[in-house]
Amino acid sequence: MDYLPYDPGRDEPQLTAAQSAAFDVNPEHMALVIQKASHENIRVVREERNLAGGLFILPFGQWFMGRCVPTDGIAAVAVAPHMRGRGAAGRMMRGVLREARERGTPLSALFPASVTLYRKFGYELAGSRFSANLPTASIPRFEHNAKDADIRPIIESDVNEIRENQQTWTASGHGQLRRIDYLWNHIKHRRGQDALGFCVRENGRITGHIYYRQERAEDVHHQRMIVTDLAYTTPAAAQRLLTFMSDHRSLVQEVLLPTGPNESILTLFPELTFKLTLDIHWMIRILDASAALQQRGYPPATNGRLHLDITDDLFTENAGRFVLNLSNGTPTVENGGDGSFKLDIRTLASLYTGFSTATELATIGKIETTAEQAALADTIFAAPYPWMRDQF
């Protein structure tokens, strides 16, 4: 099978059919999604005249401790029904990872349909996406002055400012994405439905926004609000958005919010009336260990030297001994060292994002090191729990 760039004239009918079948999506809608992915970011594998499968490359960034690391998101991985079981998925993944590494991208991220499959290519669990079910009647309400924190529908001239404010919000998180147009389109238009959008303004500037759609609940007299995006950069914006959701309580029975395990806005609830559910874990593949370690953020004032010995079965040039040196939170990476902190590339992914600590990973045999080196690694990679609002 050949790994190739997407050619619309040759590939579009077969790729649309393969992805429609894989994701149970209307072919007309799938064709629009393919168009929004940008043709230059689509790859396929072919066996002579047969398209075996395809995927999207989403060149975004991911925030870790205040620094944005270039990341290739991998989405819409699909194999045609009659080509399954013949190695098409493996050919695609080897091709897209090699391409990203040669391009100099340090990380690759995806939401797995099969954890076992992607672990074969060096991915590991690295963060999560939760859903909060908020009974509308229990969402707290706050007194507000419309002149100080006004909320109104989003118009076209708001878009750039909303994106800037959202990036401010994500930069303070851990695991959040620096979005590209494809992700914004996914928020505003999903499976043929358009989201409603409202923004909060304080003193003439946007400080928060919400996108959502409404659907009928099991009780035909009520609806549920499904939030596709929420961001807030001031206390007034967070309070105003909660009040906005609460204002829908006469028709909306519940609000579904994509979130993390401890998002700050949830601490404003006076009682634990909401239900938090794990939706899915996401996975990371470290393509260039040296660059990824160099570009991540670390806790300020952290000092120490970690002597890593990394194995990578897919990319032997990514393996070897490295020394991660932290001087007041500023990293440098050099080749060499004594290799006293031994782990494989998958384990490094979980450690890198803060999904697992070195001490936890050593306890289950994923890291071979001393207790002192594990404790140092715990300090170096200390971070809030990694989660993201997006799903791709």
Protein backbone atom coordinates (compact mmCIF):
# COMPACT_ATOMS: atom_id res chain seq x y z
CA MET A 1 0.00 0.00 0.00
CA ASP A 2 1.18 3.51 -0.83
CA TYR A 3 0.92 6.42 1.62
CA LEU A 4 -0.01 9.47 -0.46
CA PRO A 5 -1.25 13.07 -0.36
CA TYR A 6 -4.96 13.43 -0.97
CA ASP A 7 -6.02 14.03 -4.58
CA PRO A 8 -9.65 15.26 -4.63
CA GLY A 9 -10.26 14.29 -8.24
CA ARG A 10 -9.05 10.76 -7.65
CA ASP A 11 -9.84 10.10 -3.97
CA GLU A 12 -12.92 12.06 -2.90
CA PRO A 13 -15.69 9.51 -3.64
CA GLN A 14 -13.84 6.62 -2.01
CA LEU A 15 -12.62 8.64 0.98
CA THR A 16 -16.12 10.00 1.61
CA ALA A 17 -17.54 6.47 1.48
CA ALA A 18 -14.86 5.07 3.82
CA GLN A 19 -15.23 7.78 6.45
CA SER A 20 -19.03 7.82 6.23
CA ALA A 21 -19.11 4.08 6.90
CA ALA A 22 -16.55 4.29 9.72
CA PHE A 23 -18.25 7.11 11.62
CA ASP A 24 -21.90 6.53 10.65
CA VAL A 25 -22.15 9.99 9.09
CA ASN A 26 -24.30 11.11 6.20
CA PRO A 27 -22.09 11.13 3.05
CA GLU A 28 -23.14 14.66 2.11
CA HIS A 29 -22.11 15.92 5.54
CA MET A 30 -18.87 13.91 5.43
CA ALA A 31 -17.98 15.56 2.12
CA LEU A 32 -18.30 18.97 3.81
CA VAL A 33 -16.08 17.84 6.71
CA ILE A 34 -13.42 16.67 4.25
CA GLN A 35 -13.56 20.04 2.54
CA LYS A 36 -13.12 21.90 5.85
CA ALA A 37 -10.12 19.75 6.78
CA SER A 38 -8.16 21.39 3.91
CA HIS A 39 -6.98 19.07 1.16
CA GLU A 40 -3.30 19.62 1.92
CA ASN A 41 -3.88 18.17 5.41
CA ILE A 42 -5.41 14.87 4.26
CA ARG A 43 -3.48 11.66 3.61
CA VAL A 44 -4.64 8.38 2.10
CA VAL A 45 -3.31 4.88 1.53
CA ARG A 46 -4.03 3.16 -1.75
CA GLU A 47 -3.59 -0.36 -3.08
CA GLU A 48 -3.47 0.17 -6.83
CA ARG A 49 -6.94 1.54 -7.74
CA ASN A 50 -8.48 0.93 -4.33
CA LEU A 51 -8.39 3.59 -1.63
CA ALA A 52 -7.79 1.63 1.57
CA GLY A 53 -8.21 4.48 4.04
CA GLY A 54 -7.50 8.07 4.97
CA LEU A 55 -6.98 10.51 7.81
CA PHE A 56 -6.76 14.22 8.65
CA ILE A 57 -3.70 16.05 9.99
CA LEU A 58 -4.63 18.99 12.25
CA PRO A 59 -1.55 21.20 12.81
CA PHE A 60 -2.41 22.89 16.10
CA GLY A 61 -0.51 23.54 19.31
CA GLN A 62 -1.00 22.20 22.82
CA TRP A 63 -0.41 24.17 26.01
CA PHE A 64 1.74 22.65 28.74
CA MET A 65 2.58 24.80 31.77
CA GLY A 66 2.24 28.08 29.88
CA ARG A 67 4.12 27.09 26.73
CA CYS A 68 2.53 26.00 23.47
CA VAL A 69 4.15 22.95 21.86
CA PRO A 70 3.50 22.36 18.12
CA THR A 71 1.36 19.25 17.78
CA ASP A 72 -0.19 17.31 14.90
CA GLY A 73 -3.67 16.19 15.81
CA ILE A 74 -4.69 13.01 13.97
CA ALA A 75 -8.40 12.76 13.20
CA ALA A 76 -10.92 10.86 11.08
CA VAL A 77 -8.74 7.75 10.76
CA ALA A 78 -10.85 5.42 8.65
CA VAL A 79 -10.32 2.22 6.67
CA ALA A 80 -12.76 1.17 3.94
CA PRO A 81 -14.90 -1.79 5.09
CA HIS A 82 -13.60 -4.15 2.37
CA MET A 83 -9.96 -3.22 3.12
CA ARG A 84 -9.96 -3.86 6.87
CA GLY A 85 -7.61 -6.41 8.40
CA ARG A 86 -4.96 -5.87 5.72
CA GLY A 87 -2.64 -3.42 7.48
CA ALA A 88 -4.02 -0.15 6.07
CA ALA A 89 -4.25 1.56 9.48
CA GLY A 90 -0.66 0.66 10.29
CA ARG A 91 0.57 1.94 6.93
CA MET A 92 -1.23 5.24 7.50
CA MET A 93 0.11 5.71 11.01
CA ARG A 94 3.71 4.90 10.13
CA GLY A 95 3.50 7.30 7.21
CA VAL A 96 1.91 10.20 9.07
CA LEU A 97 4.26 9.89 12.06
CA ARG A 98 7.37 9.73 9.89
CA GLU A 99 6.15 12.75 7.93
CA ALA A 100 5.49 14.76 11.12
CA ARG A 101 8.89 13.90 12.57
CA GLU A 102 10.67 14.92 9.36
CA ARG A 103 8.73 18.19 9.44
CA GLY A 104 10.03 18.83 12.97
CA THR A 105 6.75 18.51 14.87
CA PRO A 106 7.51 17.34 18.45
CA LEU A 107 4.13 15.82 19.36
CA SER A 108 1.19 13.96 17.86
CA ALA A 109 -2.19 13.69 19.62
CA LEU A 110 -5.41 11.78 19.01
CA PHE A 111 -8.59 10.42 20.56
CA PRO A 112 -8.32 6.63 20.21
CA ALA A 113 -10.96 4.29 18.88
CA SER A 114 -8.55 1.52 19.94
CA VAL A 115 -5.92 2.09 22.62
CA THR A 116 -4.17 -1.17 21.70
CA LEU A 117 -3.73 -0.11 18.07
CA TYR A 118 -2.20 3.26 18.83
CA ARG A 119 0.08 1.96 21.56
CA LYS A 120 1.76 -0.09 18.83
CA PHE A 121 2.87 3.21 17.30
CA GLY A 122 4.15 4.81 20.50
CA TYR A 123 1.07 6.64 21.76
CA GLU A 124 0.06 6.52 25.41
CA LEU A 125 -2.78 7.86 27.55
CA ALA A 126 -1.94 11.45 28.40
CA GLY A 127 -5.11 13.33 29.39
CA SER A 128 -8.88 13.25 29.54
CA ARG A 129 -12.13 14.87 28.52
CA PHE A 130 -15.05 14.84 30.96
CA SER A 131 -18.68 15.87 30.72
CA ALA A 132 -20.46 17.75 33.49
CA ASN A 133 -24.21 17.26 33.65
CA LEU A 134 -25.54 20.47 35.22
CA PRO A 135 -29.19 20.46 36.33
CA THR A 136 -30.29 23.92 35.21
CA ALA A 137 -32.29 24.55 38.35
CA SER A 138 -29.12 24.21 40.46
CA ILE A 139 -26.79 26.40 38.36
CA PRO A 140 -25.87 29.40 40.54
CA ARG A 141 -27.11 32.85 39.58
CA PHE A 142 -25.21 36.07 40.22
CA GLU A 143 -26.35 39.67 40.35
CA HIS A 144 -24.87 41.62 37.50
CA ASN A 145 -24.94 45.04 35.99
CA ALA A 146 -25.54 44.92 32.23
CA LYS A 147 -23.25 47.89 31.81
CA ASP A 148 -20.38 46.03 33.48
CA ALA A 149 -20.89 42.50 32.09
CA ASP A 150 -23.25 42.52 29.13
CA ILE A 151 -24.05 39.38 27.14
CA ARG A 152 -25.22 39.44 23.54
CA PRO A 153 -25.20 37.30 20.37
CA ILE A 154 -21.87 36.85 18.64
CA ILE A 155 -21.58 38.67 15.31
CA GLU A 156 -18.95 38.32 12.60
CA SER A 157 -16.94 41.31 13.83
CA ASP A 158 -16.51 39.59 17.22
CA VAL A 159 -14.76 36.50 15.87
CA ASN A 160 -11.13 37.65 16.03
CA GLU A 161 -11.51 39.05 19.54
CA ILE A 162 -13.23 35.85 20.69
CA ARG A 163 -10.34 33.81 19.36
CA GLU A 164 -7.81 36.02 21.14
CA ASN A 165 -9.69 35.79 24.43
CA GLN A 166 -10.07 32.03 24.08
CA GLN A 167 -6.34 31.69 23.55
CA THR A 168 -5.74 33.65 26.75
CA TRP A 169 -8.00 31.17 28.56
CA THR A 170 -6.34 28.08 27.06
CA ALA A 171 -2.81 29.36 27.74
CA SER A 172 -3.55 29.24 31.46
CA GLY A 173 -4.71 25.62 31.20
CA HIS A 174 -2.76 22.41 30.81
CA GLY A 175 -3.46 20.25 27.77
CA GLN A 176 -5.74 22.74 26.02
CA LEU A 177 -5.35 23.40 22.30
CA ARG A 178 -4.32 26.40 20.25
CA ARG A 179 -7.10 26.05 17.74
CA ILE A 180 -7.02 26.08 13.97
CA ASP A 181 -10.00 26.89 11.72
CA TYR A 182 -11.04 23.23 11.51
CA LEU A 183 -11.56 23.08 15.30
CA TRP A 184 -13.54 26.34 15.34
CA ASN A 185 -15.76 24.97 12.56
CA HIS A 186 -16.26 21.81 14.63
CA ILE A 187 -17.48 23.95 17.53
CA LYS A 188 -19.86 26.03 15.45
CA HIS A 189 -21.17 23.32 13.11
CA ARG A 190 -21.43 19.69 14.14
CA ARG A 191 -23.21 16.92 12.26
CA GLY A 192 -25.20 19.43 10.25
CA GLN A 193 -26.30 21.52 13.24
CA ASP A 194 -25.32 25.14 13.83
CA ALA A 195 -24.45 26.27 17.36
CA LEU A 196 -25.76 29.46 18.94
CA GLY A 197 -23.06 31.82 20.19
CA PHE A 198 -23.06 34.57 22.82
CA CYS A 199 -20.23 36.67 24.21
CA VAL A 200 -19.66 38.66 27.41
CA ARG A 201 -18.32 42.20 27.16
CA GLU A 202 -16.79 44.19 29.99
CA ASN A 203 -15.82 47.80 29.40
CA GLY A 204 -16.05 47.27 25.66
CA ARG A 205 -13.89 44.12 25.44
CA ILE A 206 -14.84 40.46 25.18
CA THR A 207 -13.99 38.47 28.31
CA GLY A 208 -16.01 35.30 27.76
CA HIS A 209 -18.18 33.37 25.33
CA ILE A 210 -20.36 30.31 24.94
CA TYR A 211 -21.39 28.22 21.93
CA TYR A 212 -24.17 25.68 22.35
CA ARG A 213 -27.02 23.86 20.69
CA GLN A 214 -30.32 22.69 22.15
CA GLU A 215 -32.02 19.34 21.67
CA ARG A 216 -35.12 17.65 23.02
CA ALA A 217 -34.66 15.69 26.21
CA GLU A 218 -36.53 12.47 27.00
CA ASP A 219 -39.31 14.63 28.40
CA VAL A 220 -40.73 16.23 25.24
CA HIS A 221 -41.59 19.37 27.21
CA HIS A 222 -37.97 20.04 28.07
CA GLN A 223 -34.67 20.43 26.26
CA ARG A 224 -31.01 20.03 27.06
CA MET A 225 -28.30 22.56 26.28
CA ILE A 226 -25.17 20.99 24.81
CA VAL A 227 -22.23 23.35 25.20
CA THR A 228 -19.64 23.06 22.44
CA ASP A 229 -17.34 25.77 23.79
CA LEU A 230 -16.97 27.93 26.89
CA ALA A 231 -14.21 30.37 27.85
CA TYR A 232 -13.89 33.09 30.50
CA THR A 233 -10.96 35.25 31.54
CA THR A 234 -12.48 37.31 34.38
CA PRO A 235 -14.63 36.51 37.44
CA ALA A 236 -17.48 38.62 36.03
CA ALA A 237 -17.44 36.66 32.75
CA ALA A 238 -17.56 33.30 34.56
CA GLN A 239 -20.46 34.45 36.72
CA ARG A 240 -22.33 35.99 33.79
CA LEU A 241 -22.05 32.79 31.73
CA LEU A 242 -23.35 30.66 34.59
CA THR A 243 -26.26 33.04 35.05
CA PHE A 244 -26.94 32.89 31.31
CA MET A 245 -27.19 29.09 31.48
CA SER A 246 -29.43 29.31 34.54
CA ASP A 247 -31.71 31.77 32.72
CA HIS A 248 -32.75 28.90 30.42
CA ARG A 249 -34.21 26.83 33.27
CA SER A 250 -37.86 27.25 32.21
CA LEU A 251 -37.23 25.21 29.04
CA VAL A 252 -33.83 23.58 29.51
CA GLN A 253 -33.65 20.77 32.05
CA GLU A 254 -29.92 20.21 31.97
CA VAL A 255 -26.70 21.59 30.54
CA LEU A 256 -23.96 19.27 29.25
CA LEU A 257 -20.53 20.89 29.50
CA PRO A 258 -17.29 19.35 28.16
CA THR A 259 -14.81 19.89 30.95
CA GLY A 260 -12.01 18.54 33.11
CA PRO A 261 -12.10 16.88 36.52
CA ASN A 262 -11.62 20.14 38.40
CA GLU A 263 -12.50 23.07 36.12
CA SER A 264 -12.57 26.27 38.16
CA ILE A 265 -16.06 27.37 37.11
CA LEU A 266 -17.54 24.26 38.75
CA THR A 267 -16.25 25.40 42.14
CA LEU A 268 -18.77 28.27 41.99
CA PHE A 269 -21.62 25.80 42.58
CA PRO A 270 -22.78 26.01 46.21
CA GLU A 271 -23.56 22.27 46.29
CA LEU A 272 -22.30 19.24 44.35
CA THR A 273 -25.50 18.99 42.34
CA PHE A 274 -23.75 18.22 39.05
CA LYS A 275 -22.57 14.82 37.81
CA LEU A 276 -19.09 14.47 36.33
CA THR A 277 -18.49 11.67 33.81
CA LEU A 278 -15.31 10.58 32.05
CA ASP A 279 -15.98 10.70 28.30
CA ILE A 280 -12.65 9.61 26.86
CA HIS A 281 -8.90 9.72 27.33
CA TRP A 282 -6.66 11.27 24.69
CA MET A 283 -3.23 9.99 23.75
CA ILE A 284 0.11 11.61 22.93
CA ARG A 285 3.00 10.36 20.81
CA ILE A 286 6.36 12.07 21.39
CA LEU A 287 8.02 12.31 17.98
CA ASP A 288 11.12 14.25 19.01
CA ALA A 289 11.98 13.74 22.67
CA SER A 290 14.67 16.41 22.80
CA ALA A 291 12.51 19.11 21.16
CA ALA A 292 9.42 18.19 23.17
CA LEU A 293 11.30 18.39 26.48
CA GLN A 294 12.90 21.68 25.44
CA GLN A 295 9.61 23.33 24.43
CA ARG A 296 7.41 22.30 27.38
CA GLY A 297 6.82 24.67 30.28
CA TYR A 298 7.96 23.72 33.80
CA PRO A 299 7.26 24.97 37.32
CA PRO A 300 9.12 28.23 38.00
CA ALA A 301 12.17 28.08 40.28
CA THR A 302 12.59 24.34 39.61
CA ASN A 303 16.20 23.12 39.44
CA GLY A 304 17.70 19.72 38.76
CA ARG A 305 19.19 17.33 36.21
CA LEU A 306 17.30 14.27 35.01
CA HIS A 307 19.35 11.62 33.17
CA LEU A 308 16.92 9.96 30.76
CA ASP A 309 17.48 6.73 28.85
CA ILE A 310 14.65 6.49 26.29
CA THR A 311 13.73 3.55 24.05
CA ASP A 312 11.64 3.98 20.90
CA ASP A 313 10.96 0.94 18.72
CA LEU A 314 9.56 2.93 15.79
CA PHE A 315 12.09 5.76 15.60
CA THR A 316 15.51 4.60 16.76
CA GLU A 317 16.86 8.11 16.12
CA ASN A 318 14.47 9.31 18.85
CA ALA A 319 15.97 6.94 21.39
CA GLY A 320 19.06 7.27 23.52
CA ARG A 321 20.35 9.14 26.53
CA PHE A 322 19.41 12.74 27.22
CA VAL A 323 19.96 15.08 30.16
CA LEU A 324 17.08 17.43 30.97
CA ASN A 325 18.51 20.33 32.94
CA LEU A 326 16.19 22.77 34.75
CA SER A 327 17.57 26.08 35.96
CA ASN A 328 14.87 28.14 37.70
CA GLY A 329 12.26 26.47 35.48
CA THR A 330 14.15 27.08 32.21
CA PRO A 331 14.97 23.83 30.35
CA THR A 332 17.95 22.79 28.31
CA VAL A 333 18.42 19.33 26.80
CA GLU A 334 21.73 17.74 25.89
CA ASN A 335 22.73 14.31 24.64
CA GLY A 336 24.48 11.90 26.97
CA GLY A 337 24.28 11.42 30.72
CA ASP A 338 24.36 8.28 32.81
CA GLY A 339 20.89 7.04 31.76
CA SER A 340 19.76 6.45 35.35
CA PHE A 341 16.11 7.22 34.50
CA LYS A 342 15.03 4.45 32.09
CA LEU A 343 11.67 4.48 30.27
CA ASP A 344 10.15 3.94 26.84
CA ILE A 345 8.64 6.61 24.60
CA ARG A 346 5.07 5.70 25.60
CA THR A 347 5.78 6.10 29.30
CA LEU A 348 7.43 9.45 28.62
CA ALA A 349 4.15 10.66 27.08
CA SER A 350 2.18 10.06 30.30
CA LEU A 351 4.93 11.66 32.38
CA TYR A 352 5.34 14.60 29.98
CA THR A 353 1.71 15.75 30.25
CA GLY A 354 1.39 15.12 33.98
CA PHE A 355 -1.17 12.35 33.43
CA SER A 356 0.95 10.09 35.68
CA THR A 357 3.80 10.83 38.07
CA ALA A 358 7.21 9.21 37.87
CA THR A 359 6.68 7.60 41.27
CA GLU A 360 3.40 6.04 40.08
CA LEU A 361 4.98 4.82 36.85
CA ALA A 362 8.00 3.36 38.68
CA THR A 363 5.68 1.51 41.07
CA ILE A 364 4.13 -0.42 38.16
CA GLY A 365 7.47 -1.07 36.47
CA LYS A 366 7.17 1.48 33.65
CA ILE A 367 10.24 3.45 34.85
CA GLU A 368 13.49 2.00 36.16
CA THR A 369 15.24 4.48 38.43
CA THR A 370 16.05 5.39 42.02
CA ALA A 371 13.53 6.82 44.47
CA GLU A 372 15.50 10.08 44.47
CA GLN A 373 15.38 10.41 40.67
CA ALA A 374 11.66 9.58 40.65
CA ALA A 375 11.03 12.30 43.23
CA LEU A 376 13.02 14.78 41.14
CA ALA A 377 10.99 13.87 38.05
CA ASP A 378 7.78 14.34 40.04
CA THR A 379 8.90 17.89 40.81
CA ILE A 380 10.06 18.66 37.27
CA PHE A 381 6.88 17.43 35.56
CA ALA A 382 4.48 18.67 38.25
CA ALA A 383 1.39 20.14 36.57
CA PRO A 384 -2.38 20.45 36.84
CA TYR A 385 -4.33 17.47 35.54
CA PRO A 386 -4.21 17.52 31.70
CA TRP A 387 -7.57 17.90 29.96
CA MET A 388 -9.07 19.61 26.93
CA ARG A 389 -12.47 21.01 26.01
CA ASP A 390 -12.05 20.08 22.32
CA GLN A 391 -12.61 16.75 20.70
CA PHE A 392 -11.35 16.10 17.19
